Amino acid sequence: PLSLFSVMAKMLTYWSYNAVPVSITHTCKASQPFFNVVLAYLVYRSRFSLATYSSLLPIVFGVVMASVSEMGMNDLAFSGTMFAVTSALIGVMQSMYAKFLLRRRIVTDSVNLHFYGAFVSFAINAPYVLMNSRAHQDNFVASFPFGKVLLCSMLHFVGSFCSSWVLGEVSELTFSIMSTMKRVVIILSAVFYFGNPVTAQSMLGMALAVRD
């Protein structure tokens, strides 16, 4: 289940990239703390302080503002924002299940957790990649960007490994909040690098969503 959550979350994120700017995708994914609190209550009946619940309101309003603004600019934006929000939800489910495995000592530590998760994720993705490459085998090797994919894979491995290690040290909610801080860097970098037009409403929504 952990690897399925991981693959689904990543695929939904990449589909979102095809429909909306990276900055909007990660603004929507900043809703993870909200989903974390909701799922923690539904699964564990966990209750948090009033201050915690109050801090979630700006995140929700920010995501809604940025999403609604983007929908007016792009016909595919609705599906793109839904992919991103769903990815955020699945990402929270992934972190909660990973923490469950670590707490119950089903997996000894975060390093082993990352290894097993990566191995099974590879097994899940490999058949699709091989089938897709066979369908385009005439020019697949010549057109495949091996260097870029290798660089992306290495960076993803480092980021995923660090995330697994941090999750082993902190609670799920703290992990979600820390991930939000990561998205601040991604959003700002994407806006400046890609130069996508950003409305004032989107900017305000982004600021609210990641303000913590």
C-alpha atoms as a PDB file:
ATOM      1  CA  PRO A   1       0.000   0.000   0.000  1.00  0.00           C
ATOM      2  CA  LEU A   2       2.788   2.451   0.809  1.00  0.00           C
ATOM      3  CA  SER A   3       4.303   2.154  -2.668  1.00  0.00           C
ATOM      4  CA  LEU A   4       0.888   2.448  -4.308  1.00  0.00           C
ATOM      5  CA  PHE A   5       0.259   5.670  -2.389  1.00  0.00           C
ATOM      6  CA  SER A   6       3.661   6.958  -3.484  1.00  0.00           C
ATOM      7  CA  VAL A   7       3.162   6.129  -7.166  1.00  0.00           C
ATOM      8  CA  MET A   8      -0.379   7.526  -7.244  1.00  0.00           C
ATOM      9  CA  ALA A   9       0.662  10.770  -5.528  1.00  0.00           C
ATOM     10  CA  LYS A  10       3.549  11.290  -7.947  1.00  0.00           C
ATOM     11  CA  MET A  11       1.507  10.483 -11.053  1.00  0.00           C
ATOM     12  CA  LEU A  12      -1.242  12.891 -10.006  1.00  0.00           C
ATOM     13  CA  THR A  13       1.375  15.584  -9.392  1.00  0.00           C
ATOM     14  CA  TYR A  14       2.877  15.087 -12.858  1.00  0.00           C
ATOM     15  CA  TRP A  15      -0.569  15.154 -14.468  1.00  0.00           C
ATOM     16  CA  SER A  16      -1.223  18.394 -12.630  1.00  0.00           C
ATOM     17  CA  TYR A  17       2.021  19.832 -14.041  1.00  0.00           C
ATOM     18  CA  ASN A  18       0.612  19.217 -17.540  1.00  0.00           C
ATOM     19  CA  ALA A  19      -2.481  21.289 -16.803  1.00  0.00           C
ATOM     20  CA  VAL A  20      -1.430  24.150 -14.500  1.00  0.00           C
ATOM     21  CA  PRO A  21       1.787  25.962 -13.541  1.00  0.00           C
ATOM     22  CA  VAL A  22       4.066  24.290 -11.011  1.00  0.00           C
ATOM     23  CA  SER A  23       3.369  27.120  -8.560  1.00  0.00           C
ATOM     24  CA  ILE A  24      -0.377  26.371  -8.581  1.00  0.00           C
ATOM     25  CA  THR A  25       0.221  22.632  -8.186  1.00  0.00           C
ATOM     26  CA  HIS A  26       2.290  23.136  -5.065  1.00  0.00           C
ATOM     27  CA  THR A  27      -0.072  25.757  -3.688  1.00  0.00           C
ATOM     28  CA  CYS A  28      -2.799  23.099  -3.833  1.00  0.00           C
ATOM     29  CA  LYS A  29      -0.459  20.519  -2.300  1.00  0.00           C
ATOM     30  CA  ALA A  30       0.099  22.926   0.589  1.00  0.00           C
ATOM     31  CA  SER A  31      -3.316  21.732   1.802  1.00  0.00           C
ATOM     32  CA  GLN A  32      -1.630  18.657   3.318  1.00  0.00           C
ATOM     33  CA  PRO A  33      -1.793  19.903   6.949  1.00  0.00           C
ATOM     34  CA  PHE A  34      -5.566  20.296   6.561  1.00  0.00           C
ATOM     35  CA  PHE A  35      -5.982  16.736   5.279  1.00  0.00           C
ATOM     36  CA  ASN A  36      -3.651  15.494   7.992  1.00  0.00           C
ATOM     37  CA  VAL A  37      -5.808  16.920  10.779  1.00  0.00           C
ATOM     38  CA  VAL A  38      -8.996  15.579   9.177  1.00  0.00           C
ATOM     39  CA  LEU A  39      -7.623  12.070   8.632  1.00  0.00           C
ATOM     40  CA  ALA A  40      -6.007  11.986  12.087  1.00  0.00           C
ATOM     41  CA  TYR A  41      -9.442  12.613  13.591  1.00  0.00           C
ATOM     42  CA  LEU A  42     -11.201  10.075  11.359  1.00  0.00           C
ATOM     43  CA  VAL A  43      -8.612   7.320  11.871  1.00  0.00           C
ATOM     44  CA  TYR A  44      -7.235   7.911  15.366  1.00  0.00           C
ATOM     45  CA  ARG A  45      -9.860  10.274  16.820  1.00  0.00           C
ATOM     46  CA  SER A  46      -7.006  12.691  17.482  1.00  0.00           C
ATOM     47  CA  ARG A  47      -7.958  16.162  18.657  1.00  0.00           C
ATOM     48  CA  PHE A  48      -5.857  19.291  18.345  1.00  0.00           C
ATOM     49  CA  SER A  49      -5.863  22.726  19.926  1.00  0.00           C
ATOM     50  CA  LEU A  50      -8.092  25.557  18.732  1.00  0.00           C
ATOM     51  CA  ALA A  51      -4.979  27.368  17.508  1.00  0.00           C
ATOM     52  CA  THR A  52      -4.162  24.419  15.242  1.00  0.00           C
ATOM     53  CA  TYR A  53      -7.630  24.391  13.721  1.00  0.00           C
ATOM     54  CA  SER A  54      -7.547  28.174  13.279  1.00  0.00           C
ATOM     55  CA  SER A  55      -4.220  27.989  11.465  1.00  0.00           C
ATOM     56  CA  LEU A  56      -5.780  25.682   8.874  1.00  0.00           C
ATOM     57  CA  LEU A  57      -8.339  28.250   7.707  1.00  0.00           C
ATOM     58  CA  PRO A  58      -5.846  30.456   5.805  1.00  0.00           C
ATOM     59  CA  ILE A  59      -4.483  27.350   4.074  1.00  0.00           C
ATOM     60  CA  VAL A  60      -7.940  26.343   2.856  1.00  0.00           C
ATOM     61  CA  PHE A  61      -8.834  29.879   1.754  1.00  0.00           C
ATOM     62  CA  GLY A  62      -5.462  30.280   0.048  1.00  0.00           C
ATOM     63  CA  VAL A  63      -5.777  27.069  -1.945  1.00  0.00           C
ATOM     64  CA  VAL A  64      -9.340  27.945  -2.976  1.00  0.00           C
ATOM     65  CA  MET A  65      -8.353  31.479  -4.042  1.00  0.00           C
ATOM     66  CA  ALA A  66      -5.382  30.327  -6.113  1.00  0.00           C
ATOM     67  CA  SER A  67      -7.343  27.471  -7.686  1.00  0.00           C
ATOM     68  CA  VAL A  68     -10.375  29.571  -8.620  1.00  0.00           C
ATOM     69  CA  SER A  69      -8.142  32.245 -10.122  1.00  0.00           C
ATOM     70  CA  GLU A  70      -6.259  29.692 -12.212  1.00  0.00           C
ATOM     71  CA  MET A  71      -9.442  28.042 -13.463  1.00  0.00           C
ATOM     72  CA  GLY A  72     -10.333  31.286 -15.213  1.00  0.00           C
ATOM     73  CA  MET A  73      -7.010  31.271 -17.087  1.00  0.00           C
ATOM     74  CA  ASN A  74      -6.831  27.662 -18.270  1.00  0.00           C
ATOM     75  CA  ASP A  75      -9.504  25.242 -19.492  1.00  0.00           C
ATOM     76  CA  LEU A  76      -7.539  22.330 -18.053  1.00  0.00           C
ATOM     77  CA  ALA A  77      -7.007  24.046 -14.720  1.00  0.00           C
ATOM     78  CA  PHE A  78      -9.936  22.377 -12.972  1.00  0.00           C
ATOM     79  CA  SER A  79      -8.544  18.909 -13.608  1.00  0.00           C
ATOM     80  CA  GLY A  80      -5.035  20.156 -12.814  1.00  0.00           C
ATOM     81  CA  THR A  81      -6.021  21.564  -9.439  1.00  0.00           C
ATOM     82  CA  MET A  82      -8.077  18.469  -8.608  1.00  0.00           C
ATOM     83  CA  PHE A  83      -5.099  16.260  -9.447  1.00  0.00           C
ATOM     84  CA  ALA A  84      -2.915  18.361  -7.141  1.00  0.00           C
ATOM     85  CA  VAL A  85      -5.391  18.346  -4.248  1.00  0.00           C
ATOM     86  CA  THR A  86      -5.936  14.592  -4.614  1.00  0.00           C
ATOM     87  CA  SER A  87      -2.169  14.118  -4.665  1.00  0.00           C
ATOM     88  CA  ALA A  88      -1.956  16.065  -1.402  1.00  0.00           C
ATOM     89  CA  LEU A  89      -4.599  13.821   0.176  1.00  0.00           C
ATOM     90  CA  ILE A  90      -2.863  10.634  -0.955  1.00  0.00           C
ATOM     91  CA  GLY A  91       0.470  12.023   0.226  1.00  0.00           C
ATOM     92  CA  VAL A  92      -0.972  12.439   3.720  1.00  0.00           C
ATOM     93  CA  MET A  93      -2.316   8.884   3.620  1.00  0.00           C
ATOM     94  CA  GLN A  94       1.159   7.737   2.602  1.00  0.00           C
ATOM     95  CA  SER A  95       2.869   9.550   5.478  1.00  0.00           C
ATOM     96  CA  MET A  96       0.314   8.284   8.015  1.00  0.00           C
ATOM     97  CA  TYR A  97       0.704   4.694   6.852  1.00  0.00           C
ATOM     98  CA  ALA A  98       4.502   5.013   6.841  1.00  0.00           C
ATOM     99  CA  LYS A  99       4.412   6.345  10.395  1.00  0.00           C
ATOM    100  CA  PHE A 100       2.135   3.450  11.378  1.00  0.00           C
ATOM    101  CA  LEU A 101       4.688   0.959  10.018  1.00  0.00           C
ATOM    102  CA  LEU A 102       7.496   2.668  11.918  1.00  0.00           C
ATOM    103  CA  ARG A 103       5.580   2.970  15.195  1.00  0.00           C
ATOM    104  CA  ARG A 104       4.567  -0.697  15.165  1.00  0.00           C
ATOM    105  CA  ARG A 105       8.137  -1.678  14.218  1.00  0.00           C
ATOM    106  CA  ILE A 106       6.774  -3.514  11.178  1.00  0.00           C
ATOM    107  CA  VAL A 107       9.652  -1.805   9.382  1.00  0.00           C
ATOM    108  CA  THR A 108      12.711  -1.300  11.562  1.00  0.00           C
ATOM    109  CA  ASP A 109      13.688   2.217  10.490  1.00  0.00           C
ATOM    110  CA  SER A 110      13.154   4.925   7.876  1.00  0.00           C
ATOM    111  CA  VAL A 111      16.112   3.763   5.741  1.00  0.00           C
ATOM    112  CA  ASN A 112      14.604   0.298   5.302  1.00  0.00           C
ATOM    113  CA  LEU A 113      11.199   1.878   4.750  1.00  0.00           C
ATOM    114  CA  HIS A 114      12.591   3.983   1.907  1.00  0.00           C
ATOM    115  CA  PHE A 115      14.419   1.008   0.368  1.00  0.00           C
ATOM    116  CA  TYR A 116      11.377  -1.278   0.338  1.00  0.00           C
ATOM    117  CA  GLY A 117       9.117   1.514  -0.888  1.00  0.00           C
ATOM    118  CA  ALA A 118      11.474   2.433  -3.731  1.00  0.00           C
ATOM    119  CA  PHE A 119      11.895  -1.203  -4.790  1.00  0.00           C
ATOM    120  CA  VAL A 120       8.157  -1.913  -4.942  1.00  0.00           C
ATOM    121  CA  SER A 121       7.464   1.439  -6.646  1.00  0.00           C
ATOM    122  CA  PHE A 122       9.979   0.482  -9.342  1.00  0.00           C
ATOM    123  CA  ALA A 123       8.227  -2.864  -9.802  1.00  0.00           C
ATOM    124  CA  ILE A 124       4.883  -1.081 -10.184  1.00  0.00           C
ATOM    125  CA  ASN A 125       6.173   1.445 -12.725  1.00  0.00           C
ATOM    126  CA  ALA A 126       8.440  -0.824 -14.781  1.00  0.00           C
ATOM    127  CA  PRO A 127       5.732  -2.695 -16.774  1.00  0.00           C
ATOM    128  CA  TYR A 128       4.086   0.559 -17.888  1.00  0.00           C
ATOM    129  CA  VAL A 129       7.406   2.105 -18.916  1.00  0.00           C
ATOM    130  CA  LEU A 130       8.445  -1.002 -20.863  1.00  0.00           C
ATOM    131  CA  MET A 131       5.093  -1.251 -22.643  1.00  0.00           C
ATOM    132  CA  ASN A 132       5.155   2.440 -23.498  1.00  0.00           C
ATOM    133  CA  SER A 133       8.711   2.224 -24.834  1.00  0.00           C
ATOM    134  CA  ARG A 134       7.799  -0.750 -27.045  1.00  0.00           C
ATOM    135  CA  ALA A 135       4.958   1.248 -28.579  1.00  0.00           C
ATOM    136  CA  HIS A 136       7.443   3.976 -29.567  1.00  0.00           C
ATOM    137  CA  GLN A 137      10.558   1.843 -30.004  1.00  0.00           C
ATOM    138  CA  ASP A 138      11.395   3.280 -33.450  1.00  0.00           C
ATOM    139  CA  ASN A 139      12.642   6.560 -32.003  1.00  0.00           C
ATOM    140  CA  PHE A 140      12.503   5.881 -28.271  1.00  0.00           C
ATOM    141  CA  VAL A 141      16.238   5.526 -27.667  1.00  0.00           C
ATOM    142  CA  ALA A 142      17.162   8.463 -29.881  1.00  0.00           C
ATOM    143  CA  SER A 143      14.608  10.834 -28.359  1.00  0.00           C
ATOM    144  CA  PHE A 144      14.767   9.744 -24.715  1.00  0.00           C
ATOM    145  CA  PRO A 145      16.403  12.437 -22.521  1.00  0.00           C
ATOM    146  CA  PHE A 146      18.620  10.077 -20.518  1.00  0.00           C
ATOM    147  CA  GLY A 147      20.681  12.835 -18.897  1.00  0.00           C
ATOM    148  CA  LYS A 148      17.698  14.826 -17.677  1.00  0.00           C
ATOM    149  CA  VAL A 149      15.905  11.734 -16.418  1.00  0.00           C
ATOM    150  CA  LEU A 150      19.037  10.604 -14.569  1.00  0.00           C
ATOM    151  CA  LEU A 151      19.411  14.015 -12.924  1.00  0.00           C
ATOM    152  CA  CYS A 152      15.710  14.108 -12.014  1.00  0.00           C
ATOM    153  CA  SER A 153      15.910  10.581 -10.594  1.00  0.00           C
ATOM    154  CA  MET A 154      18.944  11.391  -8.459  1.00  0.00           C
ATOM    155  CA  LEU A 155      17.343  14.542  -7.062  1.00  0.00           C
ATOM    156  CA  HIS A 156      14.093  12.693  -6.420  1.00  0.00           C
ATOM    157  CA  PHE A 157      15.966   9.914  -4.610  1.00  0.00           C
ATOM    158  CA  VAL A 158      17.749  12.391  -2.343  1.00  0.00           C
ATOM    159  CA  GLY A 159      14.520  14.283  -1.619  1.00  0.00           C
ATOM    160  CA  SER A 160      12.558  11.095  -0.990  1.00  0.00           C
ATOM    161  CA  PHE A 161      15.268   9.671   1.267  1.00  0.00           C
ATOM    162  CA  CYS A 162      15.417  12.871   3.321  1.00  0.00           C
ATOM    163  CA  SER A 163      11.618  12.919   3.602  1.00  0.00           C
ATOM    164  CA  SER A 164      11.574   9.331   4.872  1.00  0.00           C
ATOM    165  CA  TRP A 165      14.270  10.102   7.418  1.00  0.00           C
ATOM    166  CA  VAL A 166      12.492  13.232   8.688  1.00  0.00           C
ATOM    167  CA  LEU A 167       9.166  11.384   8.903  1.00  0.00           C
ATOM    168  CA  GLY A 168      10.841   8.835  11.146  1.00  0.00           C
ATOM    169  CA  GLU A 169      11.810  11.610  13.568  1.00  0.00           C
ATOM    170  CA  VAL A 170       8.637  13.744  13.760  1.00  0.00           C
ATOM    171  CA  SER A 171       4.847  13.360  13.799  1.00  0.00           C
ATOM    172  CA  GLU A 172       2.752  13.249  10.633  1.00  0.00           C
ATOM    173  CA  LEU A 173       1.338  16.743  11.214  1.00  0.00           C
ATOM    174  CA  THR A 174       4.774  18.244  11.832  1.00  0.00           C
ATOM    175  CA  PHE A 175       5.989  16.527   8.663  1.00  0.00           C
ATOM    176  CA  SER A 176       3.124  18.057   6.648  1.00  0.00           C
ATOM    177  CA  ILE A 177       3.892  21.531   7.997  1.00  0.00           C
ATOM    178  CA  MET A 178       7.584  21.110   7.172  1.00  0.00           C
ATOM    179  CA  SER A 179       6.601  20.019   3.651  1.00  0.00           C
ATOM    180  CA  THR A 180       4.657  23.259   3.309  1.00  0.00           C
ATOM    181  CA  MET A 181       7.850  25.206   3.947  1.00  0.00           C
ATOM    182  CA  LYS A 182       9.499  23.202   1.160  1.00  0.00           C
ATOM    183  CA  ARG A 183       6.720  24.284  -1.168  1.00  0.00           C
ATOM    184  CA  VAL A 184       7.507  27.953  -0.506  1.00  0.00           C
ATOM    185  CA  VAL A 185      10.871  27.416  -2.205  1.00  0.00           C
ATOM    186  CA  ILE A 186       9.305  25.428  -5.062  1.00  0.00           C
ATOM    187  CA  ILE A 187       6.582  28.022  -5.699  1.00  0.00           C
ATOM    188  CA  LEU A 188       8.963  30.982  -5.717  1.00  0.00           C
ATOM    189  CA  SER A 189      11.483  29.140  -7.883  1.00  0.00           C
ATOM    190  CA  ALA A 190       8.785  28.098 -10.370  1.00  0.00           C
ATOM    191  CA  VAL A 191       7.366  31.616 -10.668  1.00  0.00           C
ATOM    192  CA  PHE A 192      10.770  33.132 -11.405  1.00  0.00           C
ATOM    193  CA  TYR A 193      12.109  30.295 -13.584  1.00  0.00           C
ATOM    194  CA  PHE A 194       9.090  29.621 -15.804  1.00  0.00           C
ATOM    195  CA  GLY A 195       7.790  33.179 -15.803  1.00  0.00           C
ATOM    196  CA  ASN A 196       4.141  32.085 -15.857  1.00  0.00           C
ATOM    197  CA  PRO A 197       1.641  34.932 -15.523  1.00  0.00           C
ATOM    198  CA  VAL A 198       0.335  35.075 -11.961  1.00  0.00           C
ATOM    199  CA  THR A 199      -2.714  37.113 -11.001  1.00  0.00           C
ATOM    200  CA  ALA A 200      -2.917  39.143  -7.815  1.00  0.00           C
ATOM    201  CA  GLN A 201      -5.573  36.725  -6.536  1.00  0.00           C
ATOM    202  CA  SER A 202      -3.283  33.750  -7.178  1.00  0.00           C
ATOM    203  CA  MET A 203      -0.396  35.473  -5.413  1.00  0.00           C
ATOM    204  CA  LEU A 204      -2.582  36.233  -2.393  1.00  0.00           C
ATOM    205  CA  GLY A 205      -3.842  32.651  -2.352  1.00  0.00           C
ATOM    206  CA  MET A 206      -0.286  31.298  -2.498  1.00  0.00           C
ATOM    207  CA  ALA A 207       0.784  33.580   0.348  1.00  0.00           C
ATOM    208  CA  LEU A 208      -2.129  32.442   2.523  1.00  0.00           C
ATOM    209  CA  ALA A 209      -1.646  28.754   1.744  1.00  0.00           C
ATOM    210  CA  VAL A 210       2.053  28.665   2.655  1.00  0.00           C
ATOM    211  CA  ARG A 211       2.161  31.436   5.250  1.00  0.00           C
ATOM    212  CA  ASP A 212       2.932  28.992   8.108  1.00  0.00           C
END
